[in-house]
């Protein structure tokens, strides 16, 4: 799915909430950014913590076909139909939350469904991230950013970057004025095709 040339035309956003806490700091920051999207762009919000989604089981080498439940089927449909997917996850142990990682693990299963076109459907779309962390030095979130960037690179998606804010206690993200300022224009950033580090190195060598 390729984004339309006109800003906002044909786009739809899926916000995937991966916190164990409702109305957490990452979600507050994501909703601030979403509030500044152009009017008319569809937004769907999915809270992974409220879904009855079992842990992912790798069935690539099983003899029996995977039986997809209604929750998983709806999540797959929402993922396939969005042009822009926003991963909203707090920084847990310097990476994504367990709920978020489980969602991305399901991508592996969807890639391997019989006659799957999941990789083709995802190519050309855009992956974004929003996260709150308790540390004032945002470099400690590099592991989370790399995980999302490389996931986008594998699927030949674009990567819009990660909107970062500092907060620990509930609601404290509202005190991070710089994060709230960045949120206003975050989705105006021009996402670039995601490349693995070795691909970027090769491109620089041959340029």
N, C-alpha and C. Protein backbone atom coordinates (compact mmCIF):
# COMPACT_ATOMS: atom_id res chain seq x y z
N UNK A 1 0.84 -1.18 0.00
CA UNK A 1 0.00 0.00 0.00
C UNK A 1 0.88 1.24 0.00
N UNK A 2 0.76 2.07 -1.00
CA UNK A 2 1.58 3.25 -1.17
C UNK A 2 0.79 4.47 -0.77
N UNK A 3 1.42 5.35 0.00
CA UNK A 3 0.73 6.54 0.45
C UNK A 3 0.47 7.47 -0.72
N UNK A 4 -0.67 8.13 -0.69
CA UNK A 4 -1.01 9.06 -1.75
C UNK A 4 -0.09 10.26 -1.73
N UNK A 5 0.04 10.90 -2.89
CA UNK A 5 0.98 12.01 -3.00
C UNK A 5 0.50 13.23 -2.23
N UNK A 6 -0.80 13.47 -2.22
CA UNK A 6 -1.32 14.64 -1.51
C UNK A 6 -1.28 14.38 0.00
N UNK A 7 -0.83 15.38 0.80
CA UNK A 7 -0.76 15.19 2.25
C UNK A 7 -2.10 14.78 2.83
N UNK A 8 -2.12 13.65 3.50
CA UNK A 8 -3.33 13.20 4.17
C UNK A 8 -4.27 12.39 3.30
N UNK A 9 -4.13 12.51 1.97
CA UNK A 9 -5.08 11.83 1.09
C UNK A 9 -4.91 10.32 1.17
N UNK A 10 -6.01 9.63 1.40
CA UNK A 10 -5.98 8.18 1.40
C UNK A 10 -5.32 7.54 2.60
N UNK A 11 -5.01 8.31 3.61
CA UNK A 11 -4.29 7.75 4.76
C UNK A 11 -5.26 7.36 5.86
N UNK A 12 -4.84 6.39 6.65
CA UNK A 12 -5.60 5.99 7.83
C UNK A 12 -4.60 5.53 8.89
N UNK A 13 -4.83 5.94 10.12
CA UNK A 13 -3.89 5.68 11.21
C UNK A 13 -4.45 4.62 12.16
N UNK A 14 -3.59 3.68 12.51
CA UNK A 14 -3.88 2.70 13.56
C UNK A 14 -2.94 2.97 14.72
N UNK A 15 -3.50 3.34 15.87
CA UNK A 15 -2.72 3.56 17.08
C UNK A 15 -2.81 2.31 17.94
N UNK A 16 -1.68 1.69 18.19
CA UNK A 16 -1.63 0.44 18.95
C UNK A 16 -1.06 0.73 20.33
N UNK A 17 -1.93 0.68 21.33
CA UNK A 17 -1.55 1.00 22.70
C UNK A 17 -0.99 -0.25 23.38
N UNK A 18 0.24 -0.14 23.88
CA UNK A 18 0.90 -1.31 24.45
C UNK A 18 1.27 -1.17 25.90
N UNK A 19 0.61 -0.30 26.63
CA UNK A 19 0.91 -0.12 28.04
C UNK A 19 0.04 -1.02 28.90
N UNK A 20 0.54 -1.37 30.07
CA UNK A 20 -0.27 -2.13 31.03
C UNK A 20 -1.15 -1.20 31.85
N UNK A 21 -1.02 0.10 31.66
CA UNK A 21 -1.79 1.08 32.42
C UNK A 21 -2.68 1.88 31.48
N UNK A 22 -3.94 1.98 31.80
CA UNK A 22 -4.86 2.78 30.98
C UNK A 22 -4.52 4.26 31.13
N UNK A 23 -4.66 5.00 30.05
CA UNK A 23 -4.41 6.45 30.05
C UNK A 23 -3.01 6.77 30.56
N UNK A 24 -2.04 5.96 30.15
CA UNK A 24 -0.66 6.18 30.58
C UNK A 24 -0.02 7.36 29.86
N UNK A 25 1.19 7.67 30.24
CA UNK A 25 1.89 8.82 29.69
C UNK A 25 2.14 8.69 28.19
N UNK A 26 2.46 7.49 27.74
CA UNK A 26 2.69 7.29 26.30
C UNK A 26 1.40 7.55 25.52
N UNK A 27 0.28 7.07 26.05
CA UNK A 27 -1.00 7.29 25.38
C UNK A 27 -1.36 8.77 25.36
N UNK A 28 -1.14 9.46 26.46
CA UNK A 28 -1.44 10.90 26.51
C UNK A 28 -0.64 11.64 25.45
N UNK A 29 0.64 11.28 25.32
CA UNK A 29 1.49 11.93 24.32
C UNK A 29 1.02 11.60 22.91
N UNK A 30 0.63 10.35 22.69
CA UNK A 30 0.15 9.94 21.36
C UNK A 30 -1.15 10.67 21.01
N UNK A 31 -2.03 10.83 21.96
CA UNK A 31 -3.30 11.52 21.67
C UNK A 31 -3.07 13.00 21.40
N UNK A 32 -2.06 13.57 22.04
CA UNK A 32 -1.71 14.96 21.74
C UNK A 32 -1.23 15.08 20.29
N UNK A 33 -0.41 14.15 19.86
CA UNK A 33 0.07 14.17 18.47
C UNK A 33 -1.08 13.91 17.50
N UNK A 34 -1.95 12.97 17.83
CA UNK A 34 -3.07 12.63 16.95
C UNK A 34 -4.04 13.79 16.80
N UNK A 35 -4.14 14.61 17.82
CA UNK A 35 -5.07 15.75 17.77
C UNK A 35 -4.68 16.76 16.70
N UNK A 36 -3.44 16.69 16.24
CA UNK A 36 -2.96 17.65 15.24
C UNK A 36 -2.90 17.04 13.84
N UNK A 37 -3.42 15.84 13.68
CA UNK A 37 -3.55 15.29 12.34
C UNK A 37 -4.62 16.07 11.57
N UNK A 38 -4.49 16.15 10.25
CA UNK A 38 -5.52 16.85 9.47
C UNK A 38 -6.90 16.23 9.69
N UNK A 39 -7.90 17.06 9.71
CA UNK A 39 -9.27 16.58 9.88
C UNK A 39 -9.63 15.65 8.74
N UNK A 40 -10.36 14.60 9.07
CA UNK A 40 -10.82 13.67 8.04
C UNK A 40 -9.97 12.44 7.89
N UNK A 41 -8.77 12.42 8.47
CA UNK A 41 -7.94 11.21 8.41
C UNK A 41 -8.46 10.23 9.45
N UNK A 42 -8.87 9.04 9.05
CA UNK A 42 -9.39 8.07 10.00
C UNK A 42 -8.35 7.66 11.04
N UNK A 43 -8.81 7.52 12.27
CA UNK A 43 -7.96 7.03 13.35
C UNK A 43 -8.66 5.86 14.04
N UNK A 44 -7.93 4.80 14.24
CA UNK A 44 -8.45 3.70 15.04
C UNK A 44 -7.46 3.44 16.18
N UNK A 45 -7.99 3.28 17.37
CA UNK A 45 -7.17 3.05 18.56
C UNK A 45 -7.46 1.65 19.08
N UNK A 46 -6.40 0.88 19.27
CA UNK A 46 -6.52 -0.49 19.78
C UNK A 46 -5.67 -0.61 21.04
N UNK A 47 -6.30 -1.00 22.13
CA UNK A 47 -5.59 -1.19 23.40
C UNK A 47 -5.29 -2.68 23.56
N UNK A 48 -4.02 -3.04 23.38
CA UNK A 48 -3.64 -4.45 23.44
C UNK A 48 -3.92 -5.05 24.81
N UNK A 49 -3.88 -4.24 25.84
CA UNK A 49 -4.08 -4.75 27.19
C UNK A 49 -5.52 -5.20 27.42
N UNK A 50 -6.44 -4.75 26.56
CA UNK A 50 -7.84 -5.11 26.71
C UNK A 50 -8.27 -6.21 25.74
N UNK A 51 -7.35 -6.69 24.94
CA UNK A 51 -7.67 -7.75 23.99
C UNK A 51 -7.39 -9.12 24.59
N UNK A 52 -8.29 -10.04 24.35
CA UNK A 52 -8.08 -11.42 24.78
C UNK A 52 -7.24 -12.11 23.72
N UNK A 53 -5.96 -11.74 23.70
CA UNK A 53 -5.02 -12.24 22.69
C UNK A 53 -3.98 -13.12 23.38
N UNK A 54 -3.94 -14.39 23.06
CA UNK A 54 -2.97 -15.28 23.72
C UNK A 54 -1.55 -14.98 23.27
N UNK A 55 -0.59 -15.50 24.02
CA UNK A 55 0.80 -15.35 23.60
C UNK A 55 0.99 -16.00 22.23
N UNK A 56 1.85 -15.40 21.44
CA UNK A 56 2.09 -15.91 20.09
C UNK A 56 2.79 -17.26 20.14
N UNK A 57 2.32 -18.17 19.31
CA UNK A 57 2.93 -19.49 19.17
C UNK A 57 3.44 -19.64 17.74
N UNK A 58 4.72 -19.89 17.60
CA UNK A 58 5.31 -20.05 16.27
C UNK A 58 4.91 -21.41 15.70
N UNK A 59 4.04 -21.39 14.69
CA UNK A 59 3.54 -22.64 14.13
C UNK A 59 4.07 -22.95 12.75
N UNK A 60 5.22 -22.35 12.39
CA UNK A 60 5.73 -22.55 11.03
C UNK A 60 6.04 -24.00 10.70
N UNK A 61 6.40 -24.78 11.70
CA UNK A 61 6.80 -26.16 11.44
C UNK A 61 5.79 -27.17 11.99
N UNK A 62 4.58 -26.68 12.29
CA UNK A 62 3.54 -27.57 12.77
C UNK A 62 2.80 -28.20 11.60
N UNK A 63 2.24 -29.37 11.84
CA UNK A 63 1.51 -30.07 10.77
C UNK A 63 0.06 -29.61 10.66
N UNK A 64 -0.47 -29.05 11.73
CA UNK A 64 -1.85 -28.58 11.71
C UNK A 64 -1.89 -27.08 11.44
N UNK A 65 -2.87 -26.64 10.68
CA UNK A 65 -2.99 -25.23 10.32
C UNK A 65 -3.40 -24.40 11.53
N UNK A 66 -2.91 -23.19 11.56
CA UNK A 66 -3.25 -22.26 12.65
C UNK A 66 -4.72 -21.85 12.57
N UNK A 67 -5.43 -21.94 13.69
CA UNK A 67 -6.82 -21.53 13.76
C UNK A 67 -6.88 -20.12 14.34
N UNK A 68 -7.23 -19.16 13.51
CA UNK A 68 -7.24 -17.77 13.94
C UNK A 68 -8.57 -17.43 14.61
N UNK A 69 -8.49 -16.87 15.81
CA UNK A 69 -9.69 -16.45 16.52
C UNK A 69 -10.16 -15.08 16.04
N UNK A 70 -11.32 -14.68 16.52
CA UNK A 70 -11.92 -13.42 16.08
C UNK A 70 -11.06 -12.21 16.46
N UNK A 71 -10.45 -12.24 17.65
CA UNK A 71 -9.65 -11.10 18.10
C UNK A 71 -8.43 -10.93 17.20
N UNK A 72 -7.75 -12.03 16.94
CA UNK A 72 -6.59 -11.96 16.07
C UNK A 72 -6.97 -11.53 14.66
N UNK A 73 -8.07 -12.07 14.16
CA UNK A 73 -8.52 -11.73 12.81
C UNK A 73 -8.83 -10.24 12.69
N UNK A 74 -9.45 -9.67 13.71
CA UNK A 74 -9.77 -8.24 13.68
C UNK A 74 -8.50 -7.40 13.77
N UNK A 75 -7.54 -7.86 14.56
CA UNK A 75 -6.28 -7.14 14.68
C UNK A 75 -5.50 -7.19 13.37
N UNK A 76 -5.50 -8.33 12.73
CA UNK A 76 -4.85 -8.46 11.42
C UNK A 76 -5.51 -7.53 10.41
N UNK A 77 -6.82 -7.51 10.38
CA UNK A 77 -7.55 -6.66 9.44
C UNK A 77 -7.22 -5.19 9.67
N UNK A 78 -7.20 -4.77 10.93
CA UNK A 78 -6.89 -3.38 11.25
C UNK A 78 -5.47 -3.02 10.83
N UNK A 79 -4.55 -3.95 11.02
CA UNK A 79 -3.15 -3.71 10.67
C UNK A 79 -2.98 -3.61 9.16
N UNK A 80 -3.62 -4.51 8.43
CA UNK A 80 -3.51 -4.52 6.97
C UNK A 80 -4.12 -3.28 6.33
N UNK A 81 -5.18 -2.75 6.93
CA UNK A 81 -5.93 -1.66 6.31
C UNK A 81 -5.33 -0.29 6.59
N UNK A 82 -4.45 -0.17 7.58
CA UNK A 82 -3.89 1.13 7.94
C UNK A 82 -2.70 1.47 7.04
N UNK A 83 -2.62 2.73 6.65
CA UNK A 83 -1.43 3.19 5.94
C UNK A 83 -0.33 3.57 6.93
N UNK A 84 -0.73 3.99 8.12
CA UNK A 84 0.21 4.44 9.15
C UNK A 84 -0.09 3.70 10.44
N UNK A 85 0.91 3.02 10.97
CA UNK A 85 0.76 2.30 12.23
C UNK A 85 1.64 2.97 13.28
N UNK A 86 1.01 3.34 14.39
CA UNK A 86 1.72 4.05 15.45
C UNK A 86 1.80 3.13 16.67
N UNK A 87 3.01 2.73 17.00
CA UNK A 87 3.24 1.88 18.16
C UNK A 87 3.40 2.78 19.38
N UNK A 88 2.48 2.66 20.32
CA UNK A 88 2.48 3.50 21.52
C UNK A 88 2.86 2.61 22.70
N UNK A 89 4.09 2.71 23.13
CA UNK A 89 4.59 1.82 24.18
C UNK A 89 5.51 2.57 25.12
N UNK A 90 5.32 2.41 26.42
CA UNK A 90 6.32 2.96 27.34
C UNK A 90 7.62 2.19 27.20
N UNK A 91 8.68 2.78 27.66
CA UNK A 91 9.98 2.11 27.64
C UNK A 91 10.08 1.18 28.85
N UNK A 92 10.07 -0.12 28.61
CA UNK A 92 10.21 -1.11 29.67
C UNK A 92 11.53 -1.85 29.48
N UNK A 93 12.43 -1.71 30.45
CA UNK A 93 13.74 -2.33 30.36
C UNK A 93 14.41 -2.05 29.02
N UNK A 94 14.29 -0.77 28.63
CA UNK A 94 15.01 -0.23 27.48
C UNK A 94 14.52 -0.76 26.14
N UNK A 95 13.31 -1.27 26.12
CA UNK A 95 12.75 -1.73 24.86
C UNK A 95 11.23 -1.64 24.94
N UNK A 96 10.55 -2.34 24.05
CA UNK A 96 9.10 -2.31 23.98
C UNK A 96 8.46 -3.09 25.12
N UNK A 97 7.23 -2.76 25.43
CA UNK A 97 6.50 -3.50 26.46
C UNK A 97 6.19 -4.91 25.98
N UNK A 98 5.84 -5.78 26.90
CA UNK A 98 5.51 -7.16 26.55
C UNK A 98 4.31 -7.23 25.62
N UNK A 99 3.30 -6.40 25.89
CA UNK A 99 2.11 -6.41 25.05
C UNK A 99 2.45 -6.01 23.61
N UNK A 100 3.29 -5.00 23.47
CA UNK A 100 3.69 -4.54 22.14
C UNK A 100 4.52 -5.59 21.43
N UNK A 101 5.45 -6.19 22.14
CA UNK A 101 6.30 -7.21 21.52
C UNK A 101 5.46 -8.39 21.06
N UNK A 102 4.45 -8.76 21.83
CA UNK A 102 3.57 -9.85 21.43
C UNK A 102 2.84 -9.50 20.14
N UNK A 103 2.37 -8.27 20.02
CA UNK A 103 1.71 -7.83 18.80
C UNK A 103 2.65 -7.96 17.60
N UNK A 104 3.88 -7.52 17.75
CA UNK A 104 4.84 -7.63 16.64
C UNK A 104 5.19 -9.09 16.36
N UNK A 105 5.19 -9.93 17.39
CA UNK A 105 5.41 -11.36 17.16
C UNK A 105 4.32 -11.94 16.26
N UNK A 106 3.10 -11.45 16.43
CA UNK A 106 2.02 -11.92 15.58
C UNK A 106 2.26 -11.57 14.11
N UNK A 107 2.99 -10.51 13.87
CA UNK A 107 3.34 -10.19 12.48
C UNK A 107 4.07 -11.37 11.84
N UNK A 108 4.92 -12.04 12.61
CA UNK A 108 5.65 -13.20 12.09
C UNK A 108 4.68 -14.28 11.63
N UNK A 109 3.65 -14.52 12.44
CA UNK A 109 2.66 -15.51 12.07
C UNK A 109 1.88 -15.10 10.83
N UNK A 110 1.53 -13.82 10.74
CA UNK A 110 0.76 -13.35 9.58
C UNK A 110 1.57 -13.42 8.30
N UNK A 111 2.89 -13.29 8.43
CA UNK A 111 3.75 -13.43 7.25
C UNK A 111 3.72 -14.85 6.70
N UNK A 112 3.44 -15.80 7.56
CA UNK A 112 3.55 -17.21 7.18
C UNK A 112 2.21 -17.90 7.01
N UNK A 113 1.12 -17.13 6.98
CA UNK A 113 -0.17 -17.73 6.68
C UNK A 113 -0.19 -18.23 5.24
N UNK A 114 -0.94 -19.28 4.94
CA UNK A 114 -1.04 -19.75 3.56
C UNK A 114 -1.51 -18.62 2.63
N UNK A 115 -0.82 -18.46 1.53
CA UNK A 115 -1.15 -17.43 0.53
C UNK A 115 -1.17 -16.03 1.13
N UNK A 116 -0.33 -15.79 2.13
CA UNK A 116 -0.31 -14.49 2.80
C UNK A 116 0.27 -13.40 1.89
N UNK A 117 -0.38 -12.25 1.89
CA UNK A 117 0.17 -11.08 1.21
C UNK A 117 0.51 -9.98 2.21
N UNK A 118 0.73 -10.41 3.47
CA UNK A 118 0.95 -9.45 4.54
C UNK A 118 2.15 -8.56 4.26
N UNK A 119 3.25 -9.14 3.82
CA UNK A 119 4.46 -8.34 3.56
C UNK A 119 4.22 -7.36 2.43
N UNK A 120 3.51 -7.79 1.40
CA UNK A 120 3.22 -6.90 0.29
C UNK A 120 2.29 -5.76 0.71
N UNK A 121 1.34 -6.07 1.56
CA UNK A 121 0.39 -5.05 2.02
C UNK A 121 1.07 -4.03 2.93
N UNK A 122 2.04 -4.47 3.70
CA UNK A 122 2.70 -3.57 4.63
C UNK A 122 3.73 -2.68 3.93
N UNK A 123 4.31 -3.18 2.85
CA UNK A 123 5.35 -2.43 2.14
C UNK A 123 4.81 -1.09 1.67
N UNK A 124 5.57 -0.03 1.92
CA UNK A 124 5.16 1.30 1.51
C UNK A 124 4.37 2.04 2.57
N UNK A 125 3.87 1.33 3.58
CA UNK A 125 3.21 1.99 4.70
C UNK A 125 4.23 2.62 5.62
N UNK A 126 3.78 3.24 6.67
CA UNK A 126 4.69 3.95 7.58
C UNK A 126 4.49 3.47 9.01
N UNK A 127 5.61 3.22 9.68
CA UNK A 127 5.61 2.84 11.08
C UNK A 127 6.14 4.01 11.90
N UNK A 128 5.43 4.34 12.97
CA UNK A 128 5.81 5.41 13.89
C UNK A 128 5.89 4.83 15.31
N UNK A 129 6.51 5.57 16.20
CA UNK A 129 6.54 5.17 17.60
C UNK A 129 6.30 6.37 18.51
N UNK A 130 5.66 6.11 19.63
CA UNK A 130 5.49 7.13 20.68
C UNK A 130 5.79 6.44 22.01
N UNK A 131 6.66 7.03 22.79
CA UNK A 131 6.99 6.40 24.06
C UNK A 131 7.35 7.42 25.13
N UNK A 132 6.97 7.10 26.34
CA UNK A 132 7.38 7.88 27.51
C UNK A 132 8.37 7.05 28.32
N UNK A 133 9.38 7.71 28.83
CA UNK A 133 10.38 7.04 29.64
C UNK A 133 10.70 7.90 30.85
N UNK A 134 11.20 7.28 31.89
CA UNK A 134 11.46 8.02 33.12
C UNK A 134 12.80 8.74 33.09
N UNK A 135 13.66 8.39 32.14
CA UNK A 135 15.00 8.96 32.06
C UNK A 135 14.98 10.26 31.25
N UNK A 136 15.74 11.25 31.69
CA UNK A 136 15.77 12.52 30.97
C UNK A 136 16.65 12.46 29.72
N UNK A 137 17.54 11.48 29.66
CA UNK A 137 18.41 11.31 28.50
C UNK A 137 17.76 10.30 27.55
N UNK A 138 17.22 10.78 26.46
CA UNK A 138 16.43 9.93 25.58
C UNK A 138 17.25 8.89 24.83
N UNK A 139 18.56 9.02 24.87
CA UNK A 139 19.41 8.04 24.19
C UNK A 139 19.20 6.64 24.76
N UNK A 140 18.72 6.54 25.99
CA UNK A 140 18.52 5.22 26.58
C UNK A 140 17.39 4.46 25.89
N UNK A 141 16.60 5.15 25.07
CA UNK A 141 15.52 4.49 24.33
C UNK A 141 15.97 4.04 22.93
N UNK A 142 17.26 4.08 22.66
CA UNK A 142 17.75 3.70 21.33
C UNK A 142 17.39 2.27 20.96
N UNK A 143 17.35 1.38 21.96
CA UNK A 143 17.00 -0.01 21.68
C UNK A 143 15.59 -0.14 21.15
N UNK A 144 14.65 0.60 21.74
CA UNK A 144 13.27 0.60 21.27
C UNK A 144 13.18 1.16 19.86
N UNK A 145 13.88 2.26 19.62
CA UNK A 145 13.85 2.88 18.30
C UNK A 145 14.42 1.94 17.25
N UNK A 146 15.52 1.27 17.58
CA UNK A 146 16.13 0.34 16.63
C UNK A 146 15.20 -0.83 16.32
N UNK A 147 14.50 -1.33 17.33
CA UNK A 147 13.57 -2.45 17.12
C UNK A 147 12.48 -2.06 16.13
N UNK A 148 11.92 -0.87 16.29
CA UNK A 148 10.86 -0.42 15.38
C UNK A 148 11.43 -0.13 14.00
N UNK A 149 12.57 0.53 13.95
CA UNK A 149 13.19 0.85 12.66
C UNK A 149 13.48 -0.42 11.86
N UNK A 150 14.06 -1.41 12.50
CA UNK A 150 14.41 -2.65 11.80
C UNK A 150 13.17 -3.44 11.39
N UNK A 151 12.11 -3.37 12.20
CA UNK A 151 10.86 -4.02 11.83
C UNK A 151 10.31 -3.39 10.55
N UNK A 152 10.38 -2.06 10.48
CA UNK A 152 9.94 -1.36 9.28
C UNK A 152 10.82 -1.72 8.09
N UNK A 153 12.12 -1.81 8.31
CA UNK A 153 13.05 -2.14 7.22
C UNK A 153 12.77 -3.53 6.66
N UNK A 154 12.48 -4.48 7.53
CA UNK A 154 12.22 -5.84 7.06
C UNK A 154 11.00 -5.90 6.16
N UNK A 155 10.00 -5.11 6.48
CA UNK A 155 8.76 -5.12 5.70
C UNK A 155 8.75 -4.07 4.60
N UNK A 156 9.89 -3.40 4.41
CA UNK A 156 10.01 -2.36 3.38
C UNK A 156 8.99 -1.25 3.58
N UNK A 157 8.84 -0.88 4.85
CA UNK A 157 7.98 0.24 5.22
C UNK A 157 8.82 1.50 5.35
N UNK A 158 8.14 2.60 5.50
CA UNK A 158 8.80 3.84 5.88
C UNK A 158 8.80 3.94 7.40
N UNK A 159 9.73 4.72 7.93
CA UNK A 159 9.82 4.90 9.38
C UNK A 159 9.76 6.38 9.70
N UNK A 160 8.78 6.76 10.50
CA UNK A 160 8.59 8.16 10.84
C UNK A 160 9.31 8.61 12.10
N UNK A 161 10.01 7.67 12.75
CA UNK A 161 10.72 8.01 13.97
C UNK A 161 9.87 7.78 15.21
N UNK A 162 10.43 8.12 16.36
CA UNK A 162 9.78 7.91 17.65
C UNK A 162 9.66 9.24 18.37
N UNK A 163 8.46 9.55 18.80
CA UNK A 163 8.20 10.74 19.62
C UNK A 163 8.45 10.36 21.07
N UNK A 164 9.41 11.02 21.70
CA UNK A 164 9.84 10.67 23.05
C UNK A 164 9.48 11.76 24.04
N UNK A 165 9.11 11.34 25.22
CA UNK A 165 8.83 12.27 26.30
C UNK A 165 9.26 11.68 27.62
N UNK A 166 9.55 12.55 28.57
CA UNK A 166 10.01 12.10 29.89
C UNK A 166 8.89 12.21 30.91
N UNK A 167 8.58 11.09 31.53
CA UNK A 167 7.55 11.05 32.57
C UNK A 167 7.67 9.75 33.33
N UNK A 168 7.31 9.79 34.59
CA UNK A 168 7.34 8.58 35.40
C UNK A 168 5.98 8.34 36.04
N UNK A 169 5.57 9.24 36.91
CA UNK A 169 4.29 9.07 37.57
C UNK A 169 3.15 9.37 36.59
N UNK A 170 1.96 8.79 36.84
CA UNK A 170 0.82 9.00 35.93
C UNK A 170 0.54 10.46 35.65
N UNK A 171 0.41 10.79 34.37
CA UNK A 171 0.05 12.12 33.95
C UNK A 171 1.19 13.11 33.88
N UNK A 172 2.39 12.71 34.30
CA UNK A 172 3.50 13.66 34.37
C UNK A 172 4.00 14.09 33.00
N UNK A 173 3.59 13.40 31.94
CA UNK A 173 4.04 13.78 30.60
C UNK A 173 3.55 15.19 30.27
N UNK A 174 2.48 15.62 30.90
CA UNK A 174 1.95 16.96 30.63
C UNK A 174 2.91 18.05 31.11
N UNK A 175 3.86 17.69 31.96
CA UNK A 175 4.86 18.66 32.43
C UNK A 175 6.05 18.75 31.49
N UNK A 176 6.14 17.83 30.52
CA UNK A 176 7.24 17.86 29.55
C UNK A 176 6.81 18.76 28.38
N UNK A 177 7.06 20.04 28.53
CA UNK A 177 6.59 21.01 27.54
C UNK A 177 7.22 20.76 26.17
N UNK A 178 8.48 20.38 26.14
CA UNK A 178 9.14 20.16 24.86
C UNK A 178 8.54 18.96 24.12
N UNK A 179 8.18 17.92 24.85
CA UNK A 179 7.54 16.77 24.22
C UNK A 179 6.19 17.15 23.63
N UNK A 180 5.43 17.97 24.35
CA UNK A 180 4.12 18.39 23.86
C UNK A 180 4.26 19.28 22.63
N UNK A 181 5.31 20.08 22.59
CA UNK A 181 5.57 20.91 21.40
C UNK A 181 5.92 20.02 20.21
N UNK A 182 6.78 19.03 20.44
CA UNK A 182 7.15 18.12 19.35
C UNK A 182 5.94 17.35 18.85
N UNK A 183 5.03 17.03 19.75
CA UNK A 183 3.85 16.24 19.38
C UNK A 183 3.01 16.97 18.34
N UNK A 184 2.96 18.29 18.42
CA UNK A 184 2.10 19.07 17.52
C UNK A 184 2.47 18.88 16.06
N UNK A 185 3.73 18.66 15.78
CA UNK A 185 4.18 18.54 14.38
C UNK A 185 4.78 17.18 14.07
N UNK A 186 4.66 16.23 14.99
CA UNK A 186 5.33 14.94 14.82
C UNK A 186 4.91 14.26 13.52
N UNK A 187 3.63 14.22 13.24
CA UNK A 187 3.16 13.51 12.05
C UNK A 187 3.32 14.33 10.77
N UNK A 188 3.89 15.52 10.89
CA UNK A 188 4.25 16.29 9.70
C UNK A 188 5.62 15.90 9.17
N UNK A 189 6.38 15.16 9.97
CA UNK A 189 7.70 14.71 9.53
C UNK A 189 7.57 13.83 8.29
N UNK A 190 8.50 13.98 7.37
CA UNK A 190 8.50 13.18 6.16
C UNK A 190 9.17 11.84 6.45
N UNK A 191 8.40 10.74 6.49
CA UNK A 191 9.01 9.45 6.78
C UNK A 191 9.87 8.96 5.62
N UNK A 192 10.99 8.38 5.95
CA UNK A 192 11.90 7.88 4.93
C UNK A 192 11.81 6.36 4.85
N UNK A 193 12.10 5.78 3.68
CA UNK A 193 12.15 4.32 3.61
C UNK A 193 13.14 3.78 4.62
N UNK A 194 12.73 2.81 5.41
CA UNK A 194 13.60 2.26 6.44
C UNK A 194 14.60 1.30 5.80
N UNK A 195 15.85 1.44 6.17
CA UNK A 195 16.91 0.56 5.69
C UNK A 195 17.68 0.02 6.88
N UNK A 196 18.10 -1.24 6.77
CA UNK A 196 18.99 -1.78 7.79
C UNK A 196 20.32 -1.03 7.73
N UNK A 197 21.07 -1.05 8.82
CA UNK A 197 22.33 -0.32 8.89
C UNK A 197 23.29 -0.75 7.78
N UNK A 198 23.33 -2.04 7.47
CA UNK A 198 24.25 -2.51 6.42
C UNK A 198 23.80 -2.03 5.04
N UNK A 199 22.49 -1.85 4.86
CA UNK A 199 22.00 -1.32 3.59
C UNK A 199 22.37 0.15 3.44
N UNK A 200 22.27 0.90 4.52
CA UNK A 200 22.67 2.30 4.48
C UNK A 200 24.16 2.43 4.21
N UNK A 201 24.95 1.55 4.83
CA UNK A 201 26.41 1.58 4.62
C UNK A 201 26.73 1.28 3.16
N UNK A 202 26.05 0.27 2.59
CA UNK A 202 26.29 -0.07 1.18
C UNK A 202 25.89 1.07 0.26
N UNK A 203 24.75 1.73 0.60
CA UNK A 203 24.28 2.83 -0.22
C UNK A 203 25.28 3.99 -0.19
N UNK A 204 25.86 4.26 0.98
CA UNK A 204 26.84 5.33 1.09
C UNK A 204 28.12 4.99 0.35
N UNK A 205 28.46 3.70 0.31
CA UNK A 205 29.70 3.28 -0.35
C UNK A 205 29.59 3.42 -1.86
N UNK A 206 28.41 3.11 -2.37
CA UNK A 206 28.21 3.13 -3.83
C UNK A 206 27.78 4.49 -4.34
N UNK A 207 27.45 5.41 -3.42
CA UNK A 207 26.98 6.73 -3.85
C UNK A 207 28.11 7.53 -4.50
